[in-house]
């Protein structure tokens, strides 16, 4: 059995939360505008990639997806938003 803390995914869906307490205002902006921010970054952005569904509950951002989305975890890491601030959230 494989166990992975943090970003959790299977072939068709994934979800995780990012705790706002660990983010700077600039990082919060990147999180809230992840599609535009990633497209403007040096990250290899696939043409067919979609954005993630984001919910803001005031304390954390919850991200979910159903299909093939871009590697949001890799993008956040490249922007200094570290994986240890992610928690699986179903």
N, C-alpha and C. Protein backbone atom coordinates (compact mmCIF):
# COMPACT_ATOMS: atom_id res chain seq x y z
N UNK A 1 0.84 -1.18 0.00
CA UNK A 1 0.00 0.00 0.00
C UNK A 1 0.88 1.24 0.00
N UNK A 2 0.56 2.19 -0.86
CA UNK A 2 1.33 3.42 -0.96
C UNK A 2 0.62 4.52 -0.17
N UNK A 3 1.35 5.21 0.68
CA UNK A 3 0.80 6.31 1.46
C UNK A 3 1.50 7.58 1.06
N UNK A 4 0.74 8.65 0.87
CA UNK A 4 1.31 9.93 0.49
C UNK A 4 0.65 11.02 1.31
N UNK A 5 1.43 11.75 2.08
CA UNK A 5 0.90 12.87 2.84
C UNK A 5 0.87 14.09 1.95
N UNK A 6 -0.17 14.88 2.06
CA UNK A 6 -0.24 16.12 1.28
C UNK A 6 -1.14 15.95 0.08
N UNK A 7 -0.62 16.33 -1.08
CA UNK A 7 -1.37 16.30 -2.32
C UNK A 7 -1.75 14.86 -2.64
N UNK A 8 -3.05 14.60 -2.79
CA UNK A 8 -3.54 13.25 -3.04
C UNK A 8 -4.28 13.24 -4.37
N UNK A 9 -3.99 12.24 -5.20
CA UNK A 9 -4.62 12.19 -6.51
C UNK A 9 -4.83 10.75 -6.95
N UNK A 10 -5.84 10.55 -7.77
CA UNK A 10 -5.96 9.30 -8.52
C UNK A 10 -6.15 9.71 -9.98
N UNK A 11 -6.48 8.80 -10.84
CA UNK A 11 -6.50 9.12 -12.26
C UNK A 11 -7.60 10.09 -12.67
N UNK A 12 -8.64 10.24 -11.86
CA UNK A 12 -9.74 11.08 -12.32
C UNK A 12 -10.10 12.23 -11.38
N UNK A 13 -9.61 12.23 -10.16
CA UNK A 13 -9.97 13.32 -9.26
C UNK A 13 -8.88 13.53 -8.21
N UNK A 14 -8.89 14.72 -7.64
CA UNK A 14 -7.94 15.06 -6.59
C UNK A 14 -8.52 16.22 -5.80
N UNK A 15 -8.12 16.32 -4.54
CA UNK A 15 -8.49 17.49 -3.76
C UNK A 15 -7.46 17.69 -2.65
N UNK A 16 -7.29 18.93 -2.26
CA UNK A 16 -6.43 19.26 -1.14
C UNK A 16 -6.77 20.66 -0.67
N UNK A 17 -6.28 21.01 0.52
CA UNK A 17 -6.51 22.34 1.05
C UNK A 17 -5.18 23.02 1.33
N UNK A 18 -5.17 24.34 1.22
CA UNK A 18 -4.01 25.15 1.54
C UNK A 18 -4.43 26.07 2.67
N UNK A 19 -3.77 25.95 3.81
CA UNK A 19 -4.07 26.76 4.98
C UNK A 19 -3.59 28.19 4.74
N UNK A 20 -4.49 29.16 4.85
CA UNK A 20 -4.15 30.56 4.61
C UNK A 20 -3.15 31.11 5.63
N UNK A 21 -3.10 30.51 6.80
CA UNK A 21 -2.21 31.00 7.86
C UNK A 21 -0.74 30.94 7.46
N UNK A 22 -0.40 30.07 6.52
CA UNK A 22 0.98 29.90 6.08
C UNK A 22 1.36 30.75 4.87
N UNK A 23 0.43 31.54 4.36
CA UNK A 23 0.66 32.28 3.12
C UNK A 23 0.89 33.77 3.37
N UNK A 24 1.77 34.35 2.59
CA UNK A 24 1.93 35.79 2.56
C UNK A 24 0.81 36.37 1.70
N UNK A 25 0.57 37.68 1.76
CA UNK A 25 -0.44 38.26 0.86
C UNK A 25 -0.13 38.00 -0.61
N UNK A 26 1.14 38.06 -1.01
CA UNK A 26 1.50 37.79 -2.41
C UNK A 26 1.19 36.34 -2.78
N UNK A 27 1.46 35.40 -1.88
CA UNK A 27 1.17 33.99 -2.15
C UNK A 27 -0.34 33.76 -2.21
N UNK A 28 -1.11 34.43 -1.36
CA UNK A 28 -2.57 34.32 -1.43
C UNK A 28 -3.09 34.78 -2.78
N UNK A 29 -2.52 35.85 -3.31
CA UNK A 29 -2.91 36.33 -4.63
C UNK A 29 -2.63 35.27 -5.69
N UNK A 30 -1.45 34.65 -5.61
CA UNK A 30 -1.09 33.59 -6.57
C UNK A 30 -2.07 32.43 -6.47
N UNK A 31 -2.41 32.03 -5.25
CA UNK A 31 -3.34 30.93 -5.05
C UNK A 31 -4.71 31.28 -5.63
N UNK A 32 -5.20 32.47 -5.31
CA UNK A 32 -6.53 32.89 -5.78
C UNK A 32 -6.59 33.04 -7.30
N UNK A 33 -5.47 33.38 -7.91
CA UNK A 33 -5.41 33.58 -9.36
C UNK A 33 -4.47 32.55 -10.00
N UNK A 34 -4.59 31.30 -9.57
CA UNK A 34 -3.64 30.26 -9.96
C UNK A 34 -3.56 30.02 -11.46
N UNK A 35 -4.67 30.14 -12.18
CA UNK A 35 -4.63 29.89 -13.62
C UNK A 35 -3.82 30.97 -14.33
N UNK A 36 -4.15 32.23 -14.08
CA UNK A 36 -3.42 33.32 -14.72
C UNK A 36 -1.97 33.37 -14.26
N UNK A 37 -1.74 33.14 -12.96
CA UNK A 37 -0.38 33.17 -12.43
C UNK A 37 0.48 32.08 -13.04
N UNK A 38 -0.07 30.88 -13.17
CA UNK A 38 0.70 29.78 -13.76
C UNK A 38 0.98 30.03 -15.23
N UNK A 39 0.00 30.58 -15.94
CA UNK A 39 0.18 30.85 -17.37
C UNK A 39 1.28 31.89 -17.60
N UNK A 40 1.44 32.82 -16.67
CA UNK A 40 2.46 33.87 -16.79
C UNK A 40 3.83 33.44 -16.25
N UNK A 41 3.87 32.31 -15.58
CA UNK A 41 5.12 31.83 -14.98
C UNK A 41 5.99 31.12 -16.01
N UNK A 42 7.17 30.72 -15.58
CA UNK A 42 8.06 29.97 -16.46
C UNK A 42 7.72 28.48 -16.50
N UNK A 43 6.68 28.07 -15.80
CA UNK A 43 6.26 26.68 -15.77
C UNK A 43 5.77 26.25 -17.15
N UNK A 44 6.06 25.02 -17.53
CA UNK A 44 5.59 24.47 -18.80
C UNK A 44 4.09 24.24 -18.69
N UNK A 45 3.31 25.11 -19.29
CA UNK A 45 1.85 25.10 -19.19
C UNK A 45 1.25 24.38 -20.39
N UNK A 46 0.68 23.18 -20.19
CA UNK A 46 0.09 22.46 -21.33
C UNK A 46 -1.14 23.18 -21.86
N UNK A 47 -1.29 23.23 -23.16
CA UNK A 47 -2.43 23.90 -23.78
C UNK A 47 -3.77 23.32 -23.34
N UNK A 48 -3.81 22.02 -23.09
CA UNK A 48 -5.07 21.37 -22.76
C UNK A 48 -5.39 21.39 -21.27
N UNK A 49 -4.53 21.97 -20.45
CA UNK A 49 -4.74 21.97 -19.00
C UNK A 49 -5.85 22.94 -18.62
N UNK A 50 -6.62 22.54 -17.65
CA UNK A 50 -7.69 23.38 -17.11
C UNK A 50 -7.28 23.87 -15.72
N UNK A 51 -7.95 24.89 -15.25
CA UNK A 51 -7.75 25.34 -13.88
C UNK A 51 -8.40 24.39 -12.90
N UNK A 52 -8.16 24.62 -11.64
CA UNK A 52 -8.73 23.82 -10.57
C UNK A 52 -9.96 24.53 -10.01
N UNK A 53 -10.87 23.78 -9.44
CA UNK A 53 -12.01 24.36 -8.73
C UNK A 53 -11.49 24.81 -7.37
N UNK A 54 -11.71 26.08 -7.02
CA UNK A 54 -11.22 26.60 -5.75
C UNK A 54 -12.37 27.13 -4.92
N UNK A 55 -12.39 26.74 -3.66
CA UNK A 55 -13.35 27.26 -2.70
C UNK A 55 -12.56 27.95 -1.60
N UNK A 56 -13.01 29.13 -1.18
CA UNK A 56 -12.36 29.90 -0.11
C UNK A 56 -13.31 29.94 1.07
N UNK A 57 -12.94 29.27 2.18
CA UNK A 57 -13.83 29.28 3.33
C UNK A 57 -13.40 30.30 4.39
N UNK A 58 -12.41 31.12 4.08
CA UNK A 58 -11.94 32.12 5.03
C UNK A 58 -10.69 31.69 5.77
N UNK A 59 -10.57 30.42 6.10
CA UNK A 59 -9.40 29.88 6.80
C UNK A 59 -8.47 29.16 5.85
N UNK A 60 -9.01 28.53 4.83
CA UNK A 60 -8.21 27.78 3.88
C UNK A 60 -8.84 27.84 2.49
N UNK A 61 -8.02 27.49 1.50
CA UNK A 61 -8.49 27.30 0.13
C UNK A 61 -8.62 25.81 -0.09
N UNK A 62 -9.73 25.37 -0.65
CA UNK A 62 -9.90 23.96 -1.00
C UNK A 62 -9.90 23.85 -2.51
N UNK A 63 -9.03 23.00 -3.03
CA UNK A 63 -8.91 22.78 -4.46
C UNK A 63 -9.39 21.38 -4.80
N UNK A 64 -10.08 21.27 -5.91
CA UNK A 64 -10.49 19.95 -6.38
C UNK A 64 -10.49 19.96 -7.90
N UNK A 65 -10.44 18.78 -8.45
CA UNK A 65 -10.45 18.61 -9.90
C UNK A 65 -11.06 17.26 -10.23
N UNK A 66 -11.53 17.15 -11.45
CA UNK A 66 -12.13 15.89 -11.90
C UNK A 66 -11.38 15.27 -13.06
N UNK A 67 -10.63 16.05 -13.79
CA UNK A 67 -9.99 15.51 -14.98
C UNK A 67 -8.50 15.88 -15.00
N UNK A 68 -7.96 16.10 -16.17
CA UNK A 68 -6.55 16.42 -16.32
C UNK A 68 -6.29 17.90 -16.15
N UNK A 69 -5.81 18.27 -15.00
CA UNK A 69 -5.46 19.65 -14.72
C UNK A 69 -3.95 19.77 -14.66
N UNK A 70 -3.45 21.00 -14.68
CA UNK A 70 -2.01 21.18 -14.62
C UNK A 70 -1.50 20.85 -13.23
N UNK A 71 -0.21 20.68 -13.10
CA UNK A 71 0.41 20.26 -11.84
C UNK A 71 0.46 21.43 -10.87
N UNK A 72 -0.67 21.66 -10.20
CA UNK A 72 -0.79 22.80 -9.29
C UNK A 72 0.19 22.70 -8.13
N UNK A 73 0.43 21.50 -7.64
CA UNK A 73 1.39 21.34 -6.54
C UNK A 73 2.79 21.78 -6.96
N UNK A 74 3.20 21.43 -8.18
CA UNK A 74 4.52 21.83 -8.68
C UNK A 74 4.59 23.34 -8.87
N UNK A 75 3.51 23.92 -9.38
CA UNK A 75 3.48 25.37 -9.58
C UNK A 75 3.58 26.09 -8.25
N UNK A 76 2.79 25.68 -7.25
CA UNK A 76 2.85 26.33 -5.94
C UNK A 76 4.25 26.22 -5.35
N UNK A 77 4.87 25.04 -5.44
CA UNK A 77 6.24 24.88 -4.94
C UNK A 77 7.18 25.85 -5.62
N UNK A 78 7.03 26.03 -6.94
CA UNK A 78 7.92 26.94 -7.67
C UNK A 78 7.71 28.40 -7.25
N UNK A 79 6.55 28.72 -6.67
CA UNK A 79 6.24 30.06 -6.22
C UNK A 79 6.53 30.24 -4.72
N UNK A 80 7.12 29.20 -4.09
CA UNK A 80 7.46 29.29 -2.68
C UNK A 80 6.33 28.92 -1.74
N UNK A 81 5.26 28.34 -2.27
CA UNK A 81 4.14 27.88 -1.44
C UNK A 81 4.39 26.39 -1.23
N UNK A 82 4.83 26.02 -0.05
CA UNK A 82 5.42 24.70 0.17
C UNK A 82 4.40 23.62 0.47
N UNK A 83 4.72 22.44 -0.01
CA UNK A 83 3.85 21.27 0.06
C UNK A 83 3.43 20.93 1.50
N UNK A 84 4.26 21.26 2.49
CA UNK A 84 3.88 20.92 3.87
C UNK A 84 2.66 21.71 4.32
N UNK A 85 2.26 22.74 3.59
CA UNK A 85 1.05 23.51 3.92
C UNK A 85 -0.19 22.93 3.29
N UNK A 86 -0.07 21.81 2.57
CA UNK A 86 -1.21 21.16 1.93
C UNK A 86 -1.71 20.05 2.84
N UNK A 87 -3.01 19.83 2.79
CA UNK A 87 -3.62 18.72 3.52
C UNK A 87 -4.67 18.13 2.62
N UNK A 88 -4.75 16.81 2.58
CA UNK A 88 -5.80 16.22 1.75
C UNK A 88 -7.13 16.66 2.29
N UNK A 89 -8.07 16.93 1.43
CA UNK A 89 -9.37 17.42 1.87
C UNK A 89 -10.48 16.87 1.01
N UNK A 90 -11.13 15.87 1.49
CA UNK A 90 -12.24 15.27 0.72
C UNK A 90 -13.54 15.67 1.33
